[in-house]
PDB file of N, CA and C in Angstrom:
ATOM      1  N   THR A   1      31.848  32.782  -6.999  1.00  0.00           N
ATOM      2  CA  THR A   1      30.870  32.835  -8.073  1.00  0.00           C
ATOM      3  C   THR A   1      29.517  32.333  -7.584  1.00  0.00           C
ATOM      4  N   THR A   2      28.514  32.493  -8.412  1.00  0.00           N
ATOM      5  CA  THR A   2      27.154  32.112  -8.043  1.00  0.00           C
ATOM      6  C   THR A   2      27.015  30.605  -7.917  1.00  0.00           C
ATOM      7  N   SER A   3      27.617  29.873  -8.829  1.00  0.00           N
ATOM      8  CA  SER A   3      27.481  28.425  -8.780  1.00  0.00           C
ATOM      9  C   SER A   3      28.175  27.838  -7.546  1.00  0.00           C
ATOM     10  N   ARG A   4      29.260  28.454  -7.113  1.00  0.00           N
ATOM     11  CA  ARG A   4      29.967  27.956  -5.924  1.00  0.00           C
ATOM     12  C   ARG A   4      29.115  28.177  -4.668  1.00  0.00           C
ATOM     13  N   ARG A   5      28.484  29.356  -4.595  1.00  0.00           N
ATOM     14  CA  ARG A   5      27.617  29.642  -3.446  1.00  0.00           C
ATOM     15  C   ARG A   5      26.415  28.702  -3.432  1.00  0.00           C
ATOM     16  N   LEU A   6      25.858  28.453  -4.586  1.00  0.00           N
ATOM     17  CA  LEU A   6      24.720  27.553  -4.695  1.00  0.00           C
ATOM     18  C   LEU A   6      25.115  26.134  -4.297  1.00  0.00           C
ATOM     19  N   ALA A   7      26.282  25.706  -4.743  1.00  0.00           N
ATOM     20  CA  ALA A   7      26.764  24.371  -4.384  1.00  0.00           C
ATOM     21  C   ALA A   7      27.021  24.281  -2.881  1.00  0.00           C
ATOM     22  N   ASP A   8      27.592  25.324  -2.289  1.00  0.00           N
ATOM     23  CA  ASP A   8      27.838  25.321  -0.848  1.00  0.00           C
ATOM     24  C   ASP A   8      26.526  25.265  -0.067  1.00  0.00           C
ATOM     25  N   ARG A   9      25.495  25.960  -0.549  1.00  0.00           N
ATOM     26  CA  ARG A   9      24.195  25.935   0.114  1.00  0.00           C
ATOM     27  C   ARG A   9      23.581  24.535   0.060  1.00  0.00           C
ATOM     28  N   LYS A  10      23.703  23.876  -1.088  1.00  0.00           N
ATOM     29  CA  LYS A  10      23.172  22.523  -1.232  1.00  0.00           C
ATOM     30  C   LYS A  10      23.903  21.546  -0.325  1.00  0.00           C
ATOM     31  N   VAL A  11      25.225  21.683  -0.236  1.00  0.00           N
ATOM     32  CA  VAL A  11      26.012  20.802   0.628  1.00  0.00           C
ATOM     33  C   VAL A  11      25.622  21.021   2.087  1.00  0.00           C
ATOM     34  N   GLU A  12      25.452  22.279   2.480  1.00  0.00           N
ATOM     35  CA  GLU A  12      25.065  22.585   3.859  1.00  0.00           C
ATOM     36  C   GLU A  12      23.688  21.997   4.193  1.00  0.00           C
ATOM     37  N   LYS A  13      22.759  22.125   3.276  1.00  0.00           N
ATOM     38  CA  LYS A  13      21.422  21.559   3.491  1.00  0.00           C
ATOM     39  C   LYS A  13      21.497  20.033   3.592  1.00  0.00           C
ATOM     40  N   PHE A  14      22.311  19.417   2.772  1.00  0.00           N
ATOM     41  CA  PHE A  14      22.487  17.962   2.811  1.00  0.00           C
ATOM     42  C   PHE A  14      23.091  17.530   4.136  1.00  0.00           C
ATOM     43  N   GLU A  15      24.074  18.269   4.616  1.00  0.00           N
ATOM     44  CA  GLU A  15      24.716  17.934   5.887  1.00  0.00           C
ATOM     45  C   GLU A  15      23.735  18.033   7.056  1.00  0.00           C
ATOM     46  N   LYS A  16      22.835  19.016   7.011  1.00  0.00           N
ATOM     47  CA  LYS A  16      21.827  19.131   8.065  1.00  0.00           C
ATOM     48  C   LYS A  16      20.914  17.898   8.068  1.00  0.00           C
ATOM     49  N   ASN A  17      20.539  17.430   6.893  1.00  0.00           N
ATOM     50  CA  ASN A  17      19.670  16.260   6.806  1.00  0.00           C
ATOM     51  C   ASN A  17      20.376  15.009   7.297  1.00  0.00           C
ATOM     52  N   ILE A  18      21.670  14.896   7.057  1.00  0.00           N
ATOM     53  CA  ILE A  18      22.427  13.729   7.509  1.00  0.00           C
ATOM     54  C   ILE A  18      22.452  13.675   9.031  1.00  0.00           C
ATOM     55  N   LYS A  19      22.620  14.825   9.660  1.00  0.00           N
ATOM     56  CA  LYS A  19      22.686  14.864  11.124  1.00  0.00           C
ATOM     57  C   LYS A  19      21.346  14.534  11.771  1.00  0.00           C
ATOM     58  N   LYS A  20      20.234  14.711  11.047  1.00  0.00           N
ATOM     59  CA  LYS A  20      18.905  14.423  11.579  1.00  0.00           C
ATOM     60  C   LYS A  20      18.481  12.977  11.358  1.00  0.00           C
ATOM     61  N   ARG A  21      19.309  12.181  10.761  1.00  0.00           N
ATOM     62  CA  ARG A  21      18.938  10.813  10.417  1.00  0.00           C
ATOM     63  C   ARG A  21      18.542  10.034  11.666  1.00  0.00           C
ATOM     64  N   GLY A  22      17.391   9.367  11.614  1.00  0.00           N
ATOM     65  CA  GLY A  22      16.905   8.563  12.723  1.00  0.00           C
ATOM     66  C   GLY A  22      16.056   9.339  13.708  1.00  0.00           C
ATOM     67  N   ALA A  23      16.012  10.654  13.596  1.00  0.00           N
ATOM     68  CA  ALA A  23      15.229  11.473  14.509  1.00  0.00           C
ATOM     69  C   ALA A  23      13.929  11.914  13.845  1.00  0.00           C
ATOM     70  N   VAL A  24      13.235  10.978  13.232  1.00  0.00           N
ATOM     71  CA  VAL A  24      11.990  11.290  12.533  1.00  0.00           C
ATOM     72  C   VAL A  24      10.856  11.286  13.553  1.00  0.00           C
ATOM     73  N   PRO A  25      10.000  12.294  13.539  1.00  0.00           N
ATOM     74  CA  PRO A  25       8.887  12.291  14.486  1.00  0.00           C
ATOM     75  C   PRO A  25       7.932  11.121  14.214  1.00  0.00           C
ATOM     76  N   GLU A  26       7.234  10.683  15.248  1.00  0.00           N
ATOM     77  CA  GLU A  26       6.363   9.508  15.158  1.00  0.00           C
ATOM     78  C   GLU A  26       5.232   9.707  14.152  1.00  0.00           C
ATOM     79  N   THR A  27       4.724  10.940  14.020  1.00  0.00           N
ATOM     80  CA  THR A  27       3.598  11.182  13.131  1.00  0.00           C
ATOM     81  C   THR A  27       4.000  11.152  11.661  1.00  0.00           C
ATOM     82  N   ALA A  28       5.264  11.313  11.363  1.00  0.00           N
ATOM     83  CA  ALA A  28       5.707  11.342   9.970  1.00  0.00           C
ATOM     84  C   ALA A  28       5.847   9.935   9.385  1.00  0.00           C
ATOM     85  N   THR A  29       5.948   8.940  10.237  1.00  0.00           N
ATOM     86  CA  THR A  29       6.108   7.578   9.743  1.00  0.00           C
ATOM     87  C   THR A  29       4.757   6.973   9.439  1.00  0.00           C
ATOM     88  N   LYS A  30       4.732   6.029   8.500  1.00  0.00           N
ATOM     89  CA  LYS A  30       3.484   5.370   8.141  1.00  0.00           C
ATOM     90  C   LYS A  30       3.101   4.349   9.203  1.00  0.00           C
ATOM     91  N   LYS A  31       1.828   4.239   9.423  1.00  0.00           N
ATOM     92  CA  LYS A  31       1.324   3.233  10.351  1.00  0.00           C
ATOM     93  C   LYS A  31       1.137   1.926   9.588  1.00  0.00           C
ATOM     94  N   GLY A  32       1.482   0.809  10.204  1.00  0.00           N
ATOM     95  CA  GLY A  32       1.370  -0.487   9.560  1.00  0.00           C
ATOM     96  C   GLY A  32      -0.001  -1.110   9.696  1.00  0.00           C
ATOM     97  N   ASN A  33      -0.938  -0.440  10.372  1.00  0.00           N
ATOM     98  CA  ASN A  33      -2.244  -1.026  10.642  1.00  0.00           C
ATOM     99  C   ASN A  33      -3.265  -0.767   9.547  1.00  0.00           C
ATOM    100  N   SER A  34      -3.035   0.172   8.665  1.00  0.00           N
ATOM    101  CA  SER A  34      -4.040   0.511   7.665  1.00  0.00           C
ATOM    102  C   SER A  34      -3.963  -0.443   6.468  1.00  0.00           C
ATOM    103  N   TYR A  35      -5.124  -0.743   5.927  1.00  0.00           N
ATOM    104  CA  TYR A  35      -5.200  -1.627   4.768  1.00  0.00           C
ATOM    105  C   TYR A  35      -5.183  -0.793   3.491  1.00  0.00           C
ATOM    106  N   PRO A  36      -4.672  -1.348   2.388  1.00  0.00           N
ATOM    107  CA  PRO A  36      -4.654  -0.572   1.146  1.00  0.00           C
ATOM    108  C   PRO A  36      -6.043  -0.393   0.547  1.00  0.00           C
ATOM    109  N   VAL A  37      -7.010  -1.247   0.904  1.00  0.00           N
ATOM    110  CA  VAL A  37      -8.395  -1.084   0.444  1.00  0.00           C
ATOM    111  C   VAL A  37      -9.298  -0.999   1.662  1.00  0.00           C
ATOM    112  N   GLY A  38     -10.472  -0.415   1.466  1.00  0.00           N
ATOM    113  CA  GLY A  38     -11.417  -0.272   2.564  1.00  0.00           C
ATOM    114  C   GLY A  38     -12.113  -1.579   2.883  1.00  0.00           C
ATOM    115  N   PRO A  39     -12.756  -1.653   4.037  1.00  0.00           N
ATOM    116  CA  PRO A  39     -13.430  -2.882   4.439  1.00  0.00           C
ATOM    117  C   PRO A  39     -14.628  -3.217   3.550  1.00  0.00           C
ATOM    118  N   ILE A  40     -15.281  -2.209   2.988  1.00  0.00           N
ATOM    119  CA  ILE A  40     -16.434  -2.460   2.111  1.00  0.00           C
ATOM    120  C   ILE A  40     -15.962  -3.105   0.811  1.00  0.00           C
ATOM    121  N   VAL A  41     -14.889  -2.596   0.235  1.00  0.00           N
ATOM    122  CA  VAL A  41     -14.355  -3.162  -1.004  1.00  0.00           C
ATOM    123  C   VAL A  41     -13.860  -4.586  -0.755  1.00  0.00           C
ATOM    124  N   LEU A  42     -13.207  -4.805   0.377  1.00  0.00           N
ATOM    125  CA  LEU A  42     -12.720  -6.136   0.721  1.00  0.00           C
ATOM    126  C   LEU A  42     -13.883  -7.110   0.908  1.00  0.00           C
ATOM    127  N   GLY A  43     -14.936  -6.674   1.586  1.00  0.00           N
ATOM    128  CA  GLY A  43     -16.118  -7.509   1.771  1.00  0.00           C
ATOM    129  C   GLY A  43     -16.786  -7.841   0.456  1.00  0.00           C
ATOM    130  N   PHE A  44     -16.879  -6.859  -0.432  1.00  0.00           N
ATOM    131  CA  PHE A  44     -17.483  -7.097  -1.745  1.00  0.00           C
ATOM    132  C   PHE A  44     -16.652  -8.095  -2.550  1.00  0.00           C
ATOM    133  N   PHE A  45     -15.345  -7.970  -2.502  1.00  0.00           N
ATOM    134  CA  PHE A  45     -14.469  -8.899  -3.218  1.00  0.00           C
ATOM    135  C   PHE A  45     -14.630 -10.316  -2.695  1.00  0.00           C
ATOM    136  N   ILE A  46     -14.672 -10.473  -1.372  1.00  0.00           N
ATOM    137  CA  ILE A  46     -14.858 -11.807  -0.784  1.00  0.00           C
ATOM    138  C   ILE A  46     -16.222 -12.364  -1.160  1.00  0.00           C
ATOM    139  N   PHE A  47     -17.255 -11.519  -1.140  1.00  0.00           N
ATOM    140  CA  PHE A  47     -18.597 -11.946  -1.526  1.00  0.00           C
ATOM    141  C   PHE A  47     -18.618 -12.449  -2.968  1.00  0.00           C
ATOM    142  N   VAL A  48     -17.977 -11.736  -3.868  1.00  0.00           N
ATOM    143  CA  VAL A  48     -17.961 -12.138  -5.276  1.00  0.00           C
ATOM    144  C   VAL A  48     -17.191 -13.444  -5.457  1.00  0.00           C
ATOM    145  N   VAL A  49     -16.044 -13.578  -4.821  1.00  0.00           N
ATOM    146  CA  VAL A  49     -15.230 -14.789  -4.985  1.00  0.00           C
ATOM    147  C   VAL A  49     -15.935 -16.005  -4.409  1.00  0.00           C
ATOM    148  N   ILE A  50     -16.420 -15.904  -3.171  1.00  0.00           N
ATOM    149  CA  ILE A  50     -17.093 -17.042  -2.538  1.00  0.00           C
ATOM    150  C   ILE A  50     -18.416 -17.336  -3.237  1.00  0.00           C
ATOM    151  N   GLY A  51     -19.153 -16.299  -3.607  1.00  0.00           N
ATOM    152  CA  GLY A  51     -20.428 -16.491  -4.303  1.00  0.00           C
ATOM    153  C   GLY A  51     -20.244 -17.178  -5.645  1.00  0.00           C
ATOM    154  N   SER A  52     -19.250 -16.770  -6.395  1.00  0.00           N
ATOM    155  CA  SER A  52     -19.038 -17.395  -7.704  1.00  0.00           C
ATOM    156  C   SER A  52     -18.564 -18.839  -7.554  1.00  0.00           C
ATOM    157  N   SER A  53     -17.769 -19.114  -6.533  1.00  0.00           N
ATOM    158  CA  SER A  53     -17.335 -20.502  -6.337  1.00  0.00           C
ATOM    159  C   SER A  53     -18.503 -21.380  -5.895  1.00  0.00           C
ATOM    160  N   LEU A  54     -19.368 -20.876  -5.032  1.00  0.00           N
ATOM    161  CA  LEU A  54     -20.563 -21.639  -4.635  1.00  0.00           C
ATOM    162  C   LEU A  54     -21.487 -21.865  -5.832  1.00  0.00           C
ATOM    163  N   PHE A  55     -21.665 -20.837  -6.641  1.00  0.00           N
ATOM    164  CA  PHE A  55     -22.493 -20.962  -7.833  1.00  0.00           C
ATOM    165  C   PHE A  55     -21.922 -22.021  -8.776  1.00  0.00           C
ATOM    166  N   GLN A  56     -20.614 -22.048  -8.941  1.00  0.00           N
ATOM    167  CA  GLN A  56     -19.967 -23.044  -9.805  1.00  0.00           C
ATOM    168  C   GLN A  56     -20.145 -24.453  -9.240  1.00  0.00           C
ATOM    169  N   ILE A  57     -20.023 -24.607  -7.923  1.00  0.00           N
ATOM    170  CA  ILE A  57     -20.203 -25.925  -7.294  1.00  0.00           C
ATOM    171  C   ILE A  57     -21.637 -26.406  -7.476  1.00  0.00           C
ATOM    172  N   ILE A  58     -22.611 -25.533  -7.269  1.00  0.00           N
ATOM    173  CA  ILE A  58     -24.021 -25.922  -7.434  1.00  0.00           C
ATOM    174  C   ILE A  58     -24.309 -26.270  -8.884  1.00  0.00           C
ATOM    175  N   ARG A  59     -23.789 -25.487  -9.806  1.00  0.00           N
ATOM    176  CA  ARG A  59     -24.016 -25.760 -11.236  1.00  0.00           C
ATOM    177  C   ARG A  59     -23.391 -27.080 -11.654  1.00  0.00           C
ATOM    178  N   THR A  60     -22.206 -27.391 -11.136  1.00  0.00           N
ATOM    179  CA  THR A  60     -21.540 -28.652 -11.455  1.00  0.00           C
ATOM    180  C   THR A  60     -22.313 -29.825 -10.853  1.00  0.00           C
ATOM    181  N   ALA A  61     -22.815 -29.662  -9.637  1.00  0.00           N
ATOM    182  CA  ALA A  61     -23.549 -30.729  -8.973  1.00  0.00           C
ATOM    183  C   ALA A  61     -24.875 -31.010  -9.667  1.00  0.00           C
ATOM    184  N   THR A  62     -25.563 -30.012 -10.143  1.00  0.00           N
ATOM    185  CA  THR A  62     -26.879 -30.215 -10.777  1.00  0.00           C
ATOM    186  C   THR A  62     -26.727 -30.769 -12.187  1.00  0.00           C
ATOM    187  N   SER A  63     -25.613 -30.529 -12.842  1.00  0.00           N
ATOM    188  CA  SER A  63     -25.453 -31.050 -14.190  1.00  0.00           C
ATOM    189  C   SER A  63     -24.802 -32.439 -14.195  1.00  0.00           C
ATOM    190  N   GLY A  64     -24.528 -32.966 -13.042  1.00  0.00           N
ATOM    191  CA  GLY A  64     -23.958 -34.314 -12.948  1.00  0.00           C
ATOM    192  C   GLY A  64     -22.454 -34.338 -13.137  1.00  0.00           C
ATOM    193  N   GLY A  65     -21.793 -33.213 -13.022  1.00  0.00           N
ATOM    194  CA  GLY A  65     -20.336 -33.178 -13.133  1.00  0.00           C
ATOM    195  C   GLY A  65     -19.828 -33.199 -14.567  1.00  0.00           C
ATOM    196  N   MET A  66     -20.681 -33.029 -15.546  1.00  0.00           N
ATOM    197  CA  MET A  66     -20.253 -33.085 -16.940  1.00  0.00           C
ATOM    198  C   MET A  66     -19.956 -31.683 -17.502  1.00  0.00           C
ATOM    199  N   ALA A  67     -20.335 -30.617 -16.805  1.00  0.00           N
ATOM    200  CA  ALA A  67     -20.169 -29.277 -17.367  1.00  0.00           C
ATOM    201  C   ALA A  67     -18.792 -28.768 -17.102  1.00  0.00           C
TER     202      ALA A  67
END
């Protein structure tokens, strides 16, 4: 029947994939060296965090530590 042939085709395709396990080409794997964000976005984030902390320290120092 049609469903039996379809099932046999799926099993055969699955078996081919099992035999190829571990033989993945080097280009198909992800490289671990790339960052999830770009260097410009990372630099901007660091600038905002450090800048806001410096601004908070200066504001606290000028108000005498009461703010």
